[in-house]
Amino acid sequence: WLDKLGLSAQYGLARVFRQTFFAANYALISSQIEPNPDFYLTVLFKRLVQGPVLTVLKQPDLIRVYANCASTVLYPSGAIVIYFLNLRNSSVNMTFPQFVNLTTDIYLLTPGDSNGLRSSYVKLNGKILVMTGLELPSLLPRTVDGAIPLEPYSFGFLVLPNANVSVCLKYNFK
């Protein structure tokens, strides 16, 4: 789903519609009325990604990477959000030489239980996400300096609040 959202943004599609919200093979909401991992992914995407698509020049094997300006509702103008999928069965460190001295807010999503990629649950920065009644769990980032460790089969969002990317400085949508 994240790959589809990233590719859609690259190709200039302003909207992407999910086939089903509920009651399908892999809907956003399970038949037990519990959010599936893609539900949380969709919420984070909507909160964090906004504005112009940025070009990602090099992607390592089995790592998918996309970038946009970050939402100016949560972050200052000039911030960027990089979203990724680590399709490897091993960890990888992601670095950004052009942003070497900047802190990064990481929203790292990993399987929520021993079912791995087939898990109906997802962890955000190591904490399993569970709704309480109608309340979303806290979807807060972890702040990282330097290389960013991406766990095997993980996906998520990296926000560089102080990137000051010129196209994102000019773009201000609230």
Protein backbone atom coordinates (compact mmCIF):
# COMPACT_ATOMS: atom_id res chain seq x y z
CA TRP A 1 0.00 0.00 0.00
CA LEU A 2 2.83 2.42 0.85
CA ASP A 3 4.52 1.52 -2.42
CA LYS A 4 1.29 2.28 -4.29
CA LEU A 5 0.97 5.63 -2.51
CA GLY A 6 4.56 6.55 -3.32
CA LEU A 7 4.33 5.55 -6.97
CA SER A 8 1.01 7.38 -7.30
CA ALA A 9 2.60 10.56 -5.97
CA GLN A 10 5.54 10.18 -8.38
CA TYR A 11 3.15 9.87 -11.30
CA GLY A 12 1.21 12.95 -10.25
CA LEU A 13 -1.98 11.30 -9.00
CA ALA A 14 -3.63 13.59 -6.47
CA ARG A 15 -5.92 10.91 -4.99
CA VAL A 16 -5.67 7.16 -4.50
CA PHE A 17 -8.75 5.21 -3.51
CA ARG A 18 -8.49 1.95 -1.60
CA GLN A 19 -10.78 -0.78 -2.93
CA THR A 20 -12.38 -1.44 0.42
CA PHE A 21 -12.47 -0.05 3.92
CA PHE A 22 -14.19 -3.02 5.55
CA ALA A 23 -15.09 -6.69 4.92
CA ALA A 24 -12.68 -7.69 2.17
CA ASN A 25 -9.65 -9.96 2.11
CA TYR A 26 -7.38 -7.21 3.43
CA ALA A 27 -9.46 -4.16 4.21
CA LEU A 28 -8.26 -1.24 6.31
CA ILE A 29 -10.55 -2.46 9.11
CA SER A 30 -10.79 -6.16 10.03
CA SER A 31 -14.02 -8.12 10.40
CA GLN A 32 -13.54 -7.71 14.18
CA ILE A 33 -13.68 -3.92 13.64
CA GLU A 34 -9.98 -3.53 14.46
CA PRO A 35 -7.58 -1.51 12.32
CA ASN A 36 -5.21 -3.51 10.13
CA PRO A 37 -1.62 -2.25 9.71
CA ASP A 38 -2.51 -0.39 6.49
CA PHE A 39 -5.03 1.69 8.45
CA TYR A 40 -2.26 3.16 10.61
CA LEU A 41 -0.04 3.57 7.56
CA THR A 42 -2.83 5.54 5.86
CA VAL A 43 -3.34 7.78 8.91
CA LEU A 44 0.38 8.55 9.11
CA PHE A 45 0.62 9.17 5.36
CA LYS A 46 -2.28 11.62 5.52
CA ARG A 47 -0.78 13.42 8.53
CA LEU A 48 2.80 13.65 7.28
CA VAL A 49 2.90 13.79 3.47
CA GLN A 50 1.86 16.95 1.68
CA GLY A 51 2.90 19.06 -1.24
CA PRO A 52 5.44 18.59 -4.00
CA VAL A 53 7.05 15.24 -4.77
CA LEU A 54 10.83 15.23 -4.45
CA THR A 55 13.15 13.18 -6.63
CA VAL A 56 14.98 10.30 -4.96
CA LEU A 57 18.08 9.60 -7.04
CA LYS A 58 19.43 6.31 -5.71
CA GLN A 59 17.67 3.45 -4.00
CA PRO A 60 19.53 0.43 -2.62
CA ASP A 61 18.35 -3.04 -3.67
CA LEU A 62 15.11 -4.09 -1.96
CA ILE A 63 14.63 -0.66 -0.40
CA ARG A 64 11.85 1.50 -1.84
CA VAL A 65 12.15 5.21 -1.08
CA TYR A 66 9.86 8.16 -1.85
CA ALA A 67 9.95 11.78 -0.69
CA ASN A 68 7.64 14.78 -0.46
CA CYS A 69 7.46 18.01 1.44
CA ALA A 70 6.23 17.36 4.97
CA SER A 71 2.90 18.60 6.24
CA THR A 72 3.15 22.19 7.43
CA VAL A 73 0.44 21.42 9.97
CA LEU A 74 2.92 19.31 11.99
CA TYR A 75 6.28 20.56 10.72
CA PRO A 76 7.84 23.87 9.62
CA SER A 77 7.99 24.93 5.99
CA GLY A 78 11.07 23.41 4.38
CA ALA A 79 10.69 20.06 6.16
CA ILE A 80 10.70 16.88 4.09
CA VAL A 81 9.24 13.45 4.67
CA ILE A 82 10.91 10.35 3.27
CA TYR A 83 8.83 7.21 3.26
CA PHE A 84 10.31 3.79 2.72
CA LEU A 85 9.89 0.04 2.62
CA ASN A 86 12.73 -2.26 3.66
CA LEU A 87 11.98 -5.47 1.76
CA ARG A 88 15.18 -7.11 2.97
CA ASN A 89 15.33 -9.83 5.60
CA SER A 90 18.12 -7.86 7.28
CA SER A 91 18.52 -4.45 8.85
CA VAL A 92 19.95 -1.56 6.90
CA ASN A 93 21.17 1.87 7.96
CA MET A 94 19.83 4.79 5.97
CA THR A 95 21.86 7.99 5.78
CA PHE A 96 21.39 11.31 4.04
CA PRO A 97 24.80 12.89 3.35
CA GLN A 98 23.22 16.22 2.39
CA PHE A 99 21.48 16.35 5.80
CA VAL A 100 24.26 14.85 7.91
CA ASN A 101 23.89 17.10 10.98
CA LEU A 102 20.10 17.13 11.18
CA THR A 103 17.91 15.20 13.57
CA THR A 104 15.24 12.96 12.09
CA ASP A 105 11.80 12.07 13.40
CA ILE A 106 11.25 8.40 12.64
CA TYR A 107 7.94 6.58 12.45
CA LEU A 108 9.15 2.97 12.08
CA LEU A 109 6.42 0.39 11.49
CA THR A 110 7.19 -3.29 12.02
CA PRO A 111 5.11 -6.48 12.32
CA GLY A 112 3.19 -6.57 15.60
CA ASP A 113 3.61 -10.23 16.52
CA SER A 114 5.32 -13.51 15.62
CA ASN A 115 3.25 -13.81 12.43
CA GLY A 116 5.71 -11.41 10.82
CA LEU A 117 4.52 -10.04 7.50
CA ARG A 118 1.16 -11.77 8.00
CA SER A 119 0.55 -10.03 11.31
CA SER A 120 -2.78 -8.28 11.84
CA TYR A 121 -1.00 -5.93 14.22
CA VAL A 122 1.71 -3.36 13.74
CA LYS A 123 4.24 -1.71 16.03
CA LEU A 124 5.23 1.94 15.82
CA ASN A 125 8.78 2.43 17.09
CA GLY A 126 8.53 -0.86 19.00
CA LYS A 127 5.13 -0.24 20.61
CA ILE A 128 2.10 -2.20 19.39
CA LEU A 129 -0.71 0.01 18.11
CA VAL A 130 -4.12 -0.74 19.60
CA MET A 131 -7.18 1.47 19.54
CA THR A 132 -8.99 2.15 22.80
CA GLY A 133 -12.65 2.50 21.94
CA LEU A 134 -12.79 5.17 19.25
CA GLU A 135 -9.45 6.72 20.22
CA LEU A 136 -6.40 6.33 18.03
CA PRO A 137 -3.24 5.36 19.89
CA SER A 138 -0.45 7.89 20.12
CA LEU A 139 1.38 8.07 16.78
CA LEU A 140 4.45 9.95 17.93
CA PRO A 141 7.89 9.71 16.33
CA ARG A 142 11.21 8.81 17.85
CA THR A 143 14.02 11.32 17.27
CA VAL A 144 17.26 9.98 15.81
CA ASP A 145 20.63 11.60 15.09
CA GLY A 146 22.94 10.15 12.44
CA ALA A 147 22.34 6.87 10.61
CA ILE A 148 18.79 5.58 10.76
CA PRO A 149 18.43 1.84 11.43
CA LEU A 150 15.65 0.19 9.41
CA GLU A 151 14.63 -3.21 10.73
CA PRO A 152 14.00 -6.14 8.36
CA TYR A 153 10.64 -5.96 6.58
CA SER A 154 9.90 -2.54 8.05
CA PHE A 155 8.28 0.50 6.53
CA GLY A 156 7.61 4.00 7.67
CA PHE A 157 8.34 7.68 7.52
CA LEU A 158 11.38 9.82 8.23
CA VAL A 159 10.82 13.53 8.73
CA LEU A 160 13.68 16.02 8.57
CA PRO A 161 12.10 19.08 10.21
CA ASN A 162 15.06 21.39 9.54
CA ALA A 163 15.93 20.27 6.00
CA ASN A 164 15.04 23.70 4.56
CA VAL A 165 14.46 22.29 1.08
CA SER A 166 13.76 25.29 -1.16
CA VAL A 167 10.67 23.92 -2.93
CA CYS A 168 9.20 23.03 0.47
CA LEU A 169 10.00 26.48 1.87
CA LYS A 170 7.92 27.98 -0.93
CA TYR A 171 5.07 25.54 -0.41
CA ASN A 172 2.83 26.36 2.54
CA PHE A 173 -0.50 24.58 2.74
CA LYS A 174 -2.40 24.48 6.03
